[in-house]
Amino acid sequence: METPEDEKFHLERIKLQGRFFEHFKNMLPVLSRKFKDHNIVLRPHPSENIDVWRQASSDLTNVHIVHDGNVNPWLLASDIMIHNGCTTAVQAFMLSRPVLSYRPEIIEHLETKFPNELSIQVRSLEELIEMIEQIIEKRSGYEISNEKEIMADHFIAARNGKLASERIIEALNEAVFPENAAYSFSENDIFLRVVGAADSFRMLVNEILKRNQVGQQYLRHKFSGLKEIEILEVLRQFNKISGRFKNISVKNIGQSCFVVKKGRNNSDMTRSNI
């Protein structure tokens, strides 16, 4: 926080998020009772304490607290997605799922505007329930307006045309390098080993000296780490869908730092290659 104004803004935003939390916690039992024949999946933000939500829903049999895996399958299986200022709403919009923004308070300069603007906005629990009923009972067809489409095109790149991977490759090919810098990293490259070792050493020093413990705990809670097998699984899915990303190897060089490259590793062939 560089200025007192920055600090004031962030403190006000934290307080607002706390109030939104209470609004959503109070919303759960109401929706649970009203829509007994429907499952309600609450997906906490990665930085949240999932146990708080589990406790809040412990006696609500049709409420499920889940934060594992990719959110897209959950969205595709849903009738409606409810949020407040959540970027997952953008994903739901892109998947053509009905999206409702529950806004019991509106303080626009503290809120994330874009996800709310892509959604049907409701101000009260009564209005939320009515809109849910309309959508579930097909009394109101969920249609994406031209205004929302224009807004999406403005903020979301490459909704049509080439894949993001193709655009990234083109951008890399167009990057300016020295003429003699045509270089291919090998898995045993000393530079990569130094990078990986430095990353691991930095983490170890922070642990020993107890530096920024709160920040480190927060990061571990939000992102517990990454494994080679997880990267390989994603690449296998890409390969299954596109027929591309074949003959790719993955090598861990330190903490959650990996090299992904074309060609096979000479060791651990079954786990580190596709």
Protein backbone atom coordinates (compact mmCIF):
# COMPACT_ATOMS: atom_id res chain seq x y z
CA MET A 1 0.00 0.00 0.00
CA GLU A 2 1.77 3.10 -1.22
CA THR A 3 -0.47 5.85 0.16
CA PRO A 4 -3.02 6.34 2.98
CA GLU A 5 -5.68 6.42 0.27
CA ASP A 6 -4.59 2.94 -0.89
CA GLU A 7 -4.80 1.63 2.65
CA LYS A 8 -8.24 3.16 3.15
CA PHE A 9 -9.49 1.64 -0.12
CA HIS A 10 -8.26 -1.85 0.75
CA LEU A 11 -9.62 -1.73 4.30
CA GLU A 12 -13.03 -0.64 3.02
CA ARG A 13 -12.96 -3.40 0.41
CA ILE A 14 -12.08 -6.00 3.06
CA LYS A 15 -15.00 -4.85 5.20
CA LEU A 16 -17.34 -5.03 2.20
CA GLN A 17 -16.17 -8.55 1.36
CA GLY A 18 -16.86 -9.52 4.96
CA ARG A 19 -20.42 -8.25 4.65
CA PHE A 20 -20.87 -10.09 1.34
CA PHE A 21 -19.70 -13.25 3.11
CA GLU A 22 -22.45 -12.82 5.72
CA HIS A 23 -25.05 -12.17 2.99
CA PHE A 24 -24.11 -15.38 1.18
CA LYS A 25 -23.94 -17.39 4.41
CA ASN A 26 -27.45 -16.21 5.27
CA MET A 27 -28.58 -17.00 1.73
CA LEU A 28 -27.63 -20.69 1.93
CA PRO A 29 -30.35 -21.97 4.30
CA VAL A 30 -33.01 -19.94 2.50
CA LEU A 31 -32.16 -21.43 -0.90
CA SER A 32 -31.68 -24.88 0.64
CA ARG A 33 -35.22 -24.88 2.04
CA LYS A 34 -36.79 -23.23 -0.99
CA PHE A 35 -35.21 -25.57 -3.55
CA LYS A 36 -35.19 -28.88 -1.68
CA ASP A 37 -35.08 -30.96 -4.88
CA HIS A 38 -31.94 -29.25 -6.14
CA ASN A 39 -28.32 -29.66 -5.14
CA ILE A 40 -26.57 -26.44 -4.21
CA VAL A 41 -22.82 -26.51 -4.76
CA LEU A 42 -20.90 -23.74 -3.01
CA ARG A 43 -17.37 -23.34 -4.31
CA PRO A 44 -15.24 -21.25 -1.92
CA HIS A 45 -12.55 -18.92 -3.19
CA PRO A 46 -9.14 -20.66 -3.01
CA SER A 47 -8.05 -18.24 -0.28
CA GLU A 48 -11.07 -18.97 1.95
CA ASN A 49 -11.22 -21.37 4.88
CA ILE A 50 -13.44 -24.17 3.59
CA ASP A 51 -14.21 -25.33 7.14
CA VAL A 52 -16.16 -22.13 7.81
CA TRP A 53 -18.51 -22.94 4.93
CA ARG A 54 -18.78 -26.57 5.99
CA GLN A 55 -19.82 -25.50 9.45
CA ALA A 56 -22.34 -22.99 8.05
CA SER A 57 -23.97 -25.72 5.94
CA SER A 58 -23.59 -28.69 8.28
CA ASP A 59 -27.37 -29.22 8.63
CA LEU A 60 -28.23 -28.44 4.99
CA THR A 61 -28.34 -31.83 3.30
CA ASN A 62 -28.61 -30.51 -0.26
CA VAL A 63 -25.72 -28.04 0.11
CA HIS A 64 -22.28 -29.30 -0.91
CA ILE A 65 -19.04 -27.40 -0.26
CA VAL A 66 -16.61 -28.30 -3.05
CA HIS A 67 -13.44 -26.63 -4.24
CA ASP A 68 -11.59 -29.47 -5.95
CA GLY A 69 -10.70 -29.61 -9.60
CA ASN A 70 -11.57 -27.43 -12.55
CA VAL A 71 -14.72 -25.34 -12.12
CA ASN A 72 -15.88 -25.80 -15.73
CA PRO A 73 -17.54 -29.24 -15.27
CA TRP A 74 -19.48 -27.85 -12.31
CA LEU A 75 -20.64 -24.90 -14.38
CA LEU A 76 -21.68 -27.08 -17.31
CA ALA A 77 -23.74 -29.28 -14.99
CA SER A 78 -25.43 -26.34 -13.29
CA ASP A 79 -28.83 -24.75 -13.89
CA ILE A 80 -27.69 -21.38 -12.53
CA MET A 81 -24.51 -19.80 -11.22
CA ILE A 82 -24.83 -17.22 -8.40
CA HIS A 83 -22.00 -14.89 -7.41
CA ASN A 84 -20.95 -11.40 -6.45
CA GLY A 85 -18.05 -9.90 -8.37
CA CYS A 86 -16.52 -13.33 -9.05
CA THR A 87 -14.45 -13.96 -12.17
CA THR A 88 -15.92 -17.48 -12.35
CA ALA A 89 -19.02 -15.69 -13.62
CA VAL A 90 -17.03 -14.83 -16.75
CA GLN A 91 -16.36 -18.53 -17.29
CA ALA A 92 -20.05 -19.30 -16.77
CA PHE A 93 -20.97 -16.60 -19.27
CA MET A 94 -18.57 -18.06 -21.83
CA LEU A 95 -20.22 -21.47 -21.29
CA SER A 96 -23.68 -19.92 -21.84
CA ARG A 97 -24.85 -20.75 -18.32
CA PRO A 98 -27.40 -18.46 -16.62
CA VAL A 99 -25.48 -16.14 -14.29
CA LEU A 100 -27.02 -14.18 -11.41
CA SER A 101 -25.14 -11.52 -9.47
CA TYR A 102 -26.53 -11.20 -5.94
CA ARG A 103 -25.86 -7.60 -4.88
CA PRO A 104 -27.55 -6.80 -1.56
CA GLU A 105 -25.14 -3.88 -1.28
CA ILE A 106 -23.80 -1.75 -4.10
CA ILE A 107 -20.62 0.23 -3.55
CA GLU A 108 -19.34 0.32 -7.09
CA HIS A 109 -15.87 1.79 -6.51
CA LEU A 110 -15.07 -1.15 -4.20
CA GLU A 111 -16.54 -3.88 -6.40
CA THR A 112 -15.33 -5.86 -9.40
CA LYS A 113 -17.49 -4.46 -12.16
CA PHE A 114 -17.05 -6.75 -15.15
CA PRO A 115 -18.42 -10.06 -13.73
CA ASN A 116 -21.46 -8.24 -12.34
CA GLU A 117 -22.14 -6.48 -15.64
CA LEU A 118 -22.16 -9.82 -17.50
CA SER A 119 -24.83 -11.13 -15.12
CA ILE A 120 -28.49 -10.65 -14.31
CA GLN A 121 -28.28 -8.47 -11.19
CA VAL A 122 -30.61 -8.89 -8.23
CA ARG A 123 -30.71 -6.83 -5.03
CA SER A 124 -32.61 -8.94 -2.51
CA LEU A 125 -33.18 -12.57 -1.51
CA GLU A 126 -36.79 -12.29 -2.67
CA GLU A 127 -35.70 -11.07 -6.08
CA LEU A 128 -33.03 -13.78 -6.25
CA ILE A 129 -35.53 -16.54 -5.47
CA GLU A 130 -37.99 -15.21 -8.04
CA MET A 131 -35.34 -15.12 -10.76
CA ILE A 132 -34.14 -18.64 -9.90
CA GLU A 133 -37.70 -19.92 -10.11
CA GLN A 134 -38.23 -18.24 -13.46
CA ILE A 135 -35.11 -19.80 -14.94
CA ILE A 136 -35.66 -23.29 -13.48
CA GLU A 137 -39.31 -23.38 -14.49
CA LYS A 138 -38.48 -21.99 -17.94
CA ARG A 139 -40.75 -19.02 -17.37
CA SER A 140 -37.88 -16.78 -18.33
CA GLY A 141 -35.55 -17.76 -21.14
CA TYR A 142 -32.00 -16.80 -20.31
CA GLU A 143 -30.71 -14.75 -23.20
CA ILE A 144 -27.41 -12.94 -23.55
CA SER A 145 -28.04 -9.38 -24.68
CA ASN A 146 -26.10 -7.65 -27.43
CA GLU A 147 -24.76 -5.22 -24.84
CA LYS A 148 -23.24 -8.08 -22.84
CA GLU A 149 -21.79 -9.62 -26.01
CA ILE A 150 -20.15 -6.30 -26.92
CA MET A 151 -18.78 -5.93 -23.40
CA ALA A 152 -17.43 -9.49 -23.47
CA ASP A 153 -15.70 -8.86 -26.80
CA HIS A 154 -14.11 -5.73 -25.36
CA PHE A 155 -12.67 -7.40 -22.26
CA ILE A 156 -12.13 -11.01 -23.37
CA ALA A 157 -9.51 -11.57 -26.05
CA ALA A 158 -9.72 -14.22 -28.75
CA ARG A 159 -13.32 -15.35 -28.27
CA ASN A 160 -13.18 -16.37 -31.90
CA GLY A 161 -10.47 -17.43 -34.29
CA LYS A 162 -7.14 -18.99 -33.40
CA LEU A 163 -6.55 -20.86 -30.18
CA ALA A 164 -4.69 -19.11 -27.37
CA SER A 165 -1.83 -21.59 -27.76
CA GLU A 166 -1.43 -20.63 -31.43
CA ARG A 167 -1.43 -16.93 -30.57
CA ILE A 168 1.18 -17.46 -27.86
CA ILE A 169 3.45 -19.33 -30.27
CA GLU A 170 3.07 -16.56 -32.85
CA ALA A 171 3.89 -13.92 -30.25
CA LEU A 172 6.99 -15.85 -29.16
CA ASN A 173 8.12 -16.25 -32.76
CA GLU A 174 7.74 -12.52 -33.33
CA ALA A 175 9.65 -11.59 -30.17
CA VAL A 176 12.91 -9.76 -30.76
CA PHE A 177 16.01 -11.81 -29.89
CA PRO A 178 19.68 -11.32 -30.82
CA GLU A 179 20.48 -13.10 -34.06
CA ASN A 180 22.75 -15.58 -32.31
CA ALA A 181 20.28 -16.33 -29.53
CA ALA A 182 18.65 -19.33 -31.19
CA TYR A 183 18.77 -21.53 -28.14
CA SER A 184 17.06 -24.67 -26.92
CA PHE A 185 17.05 -25.53 -23.25
CA SER A 186 17.94 -29.11 -22.39
CA GLU A 187 16.72 -30.79 -19.25
CA ASN A 188 20.31 -30.84 -17.93
CA ASP A 189 20.99 -27.20 -18.79
CA ILE A 190 23.03 -25.54 -16.05
CA PHE A 191 20.95 -22.35 -16.26
CA LEU A 192 17.72 -24.24 -15.55
CA ARG A 193 19.36 -26.12 -12.71
CA VAL A 194 20.48 -22.85 -11.17
CA VAL A 195 16.99 -21.35 -11.52
CA GLY A 196 15.39 -24.37 -9.88
CA ALA A 197 17.96 -24.53 -7.09
CA ALA A 198 17.66 -20.80 -6.41
CA ASP A 199 13.88 -21.07 -6.12
CA SER A 200 14.16 -23.99 -3.69
CA PHE A 201 16.89 -22.21 -1.70
CA ARG A 202 14.81 -19.03 -1.42
CA MET A 203 11.88 -20.99 -0.01
CA LEU A 204 14.16 -22.78 2.46
CA VAL A 205 15.73 -19.54 3.69
CA ASN A 206 12.30 -17.98 4.19
CA GLU A 207 11.26 -21.01 6.23
CA ILE A 208 14.40 -20.96 8.39
CA LEU A 209 14.34 -17.21 9.03
CA LYS A 210 10.56 -17.19 9.50
CA ARG A 211 10.17 -14.47 6.89
CA ASN A 212 6.71 -13.39 5.87
CA GLN A 213 5.09 -16.39 7.55
CA VAL A 214 1.55 -15.09 7.13
CA GLY A 215 2.10 -14.46 3.43
CA GLN A 216 3.70 -17.88 2.93
CA GLN A 217 0.88 -19.64 4.77
CA TYR A 218 -1.66 -17.79 2.66
CA LEU A 219 0.09 -18.78 -0.57
CA ARG A 220 0.33 -22.43 0.51
CA HIS A 221 -3.36 -22.41 1.38
CA LYS A 222 -4.30 -20.83 -1.93
CA PHE A 223 -1.90 -22.95 -4.00
CA SER A 224 -0.59 -26.09 -2.31
CA GLY A 225 1.80 -26.95 -5.13
CA LEU A 226 1.99 -28.64 -8.51
CA LYS A 227 3.16 -32.09 -9.57
CA GLU A 228 4.47 -33.43 -12.85
CA ILE A 229 1.58 -35.87 -13.10
CA GLU A 230 -0.93 -32.99 -12.96
CA ILE A 231 0.76 -31.17 -15.83
CA LEU A 232 0.92 -34.39 -17.83
CA GLU A 233 -2.78 -35.01 -17.29
CA VAL A 234 -3.64 -31.56 -18.65
CA LEU A 235 -1.41 -32.18 -21.68
CA ARG A 236 -3.07 -35.56 -22.23
CA GLN A 237 -6.47 -33.88 -22.23
CA PHE A 238 -5.20 -31.29 -24.73
CA ASN A 239 -3.89 -34.13 -26.88
CA LYS A 240 -7.20 -36.00 -26.67
CA ILE A 241 -9.19 -32.95 -27.73
CA SER A 242 -6.89 -31.48 -30.37
CA GLY A 243 -4.64 -34.32 -31.51
CA ARG A 244 -1.69 -32.07 -30.71
CA PHE A 245 0.79 -31.80 -27.82
CA LYS A 246 2.32 -35.20 -28.59
CA ASN A 247 5.86 -36.23 -27.69
CA ILE A 248 6.03 -33.73 -24.82
CA SER A 249 8.15 -34.16 -21.71
CA VAL A 250 7.87 -32.51 -18.31
CA LYS A 251 10.70 -32.14 -15.81
CA ASN A 252 10.62 -30.67 -12.31
CA ILE A 253 13.57 -28.33 -11.65
CA GLY A 254 12.59 -26.97 -8.24
CA GLN A 255 9.51 -26.44 -6.04
CA SER A 256 6.61 -25.84 -8.43
CA CYS A 257 8.92 -24.93 -11.31
CA PHE A 258 8.85 -27.17 -14.39
CA VAL A 259 10.23 -27.36 -17.89
CA VAL A 260 7.74 -28.45 -20.55
CA LYS A 261 9.36 -29.20 -23.88
CA LYS A 262 9.10 -31.17 -27.05
CA GLY A 263 10.92 -34.49 -27.00
CA ARG A 264 11.28 -37.23 -24.44
CA ASN A 265 13.16 -37.39 -21.19
CA ASN A 266 15.62 -40.27 -21.12
CA SER A 267 14.54 -41.31 -17.64
CA ASP A 268 11.17 -42.04 -16.03
CA MET A 269 9.58 -42.51 -19.45
CA THR A 270 6.20 -43.63 -18.20
CA ARG A 271 5.58 -40.67 -15.88
CA SER A 272 7.26 -37.74 -17.51
CA ASN A 273 6.25 -38.06 -21.15
CA ILE A 274 3.18 -38.17 -23.35
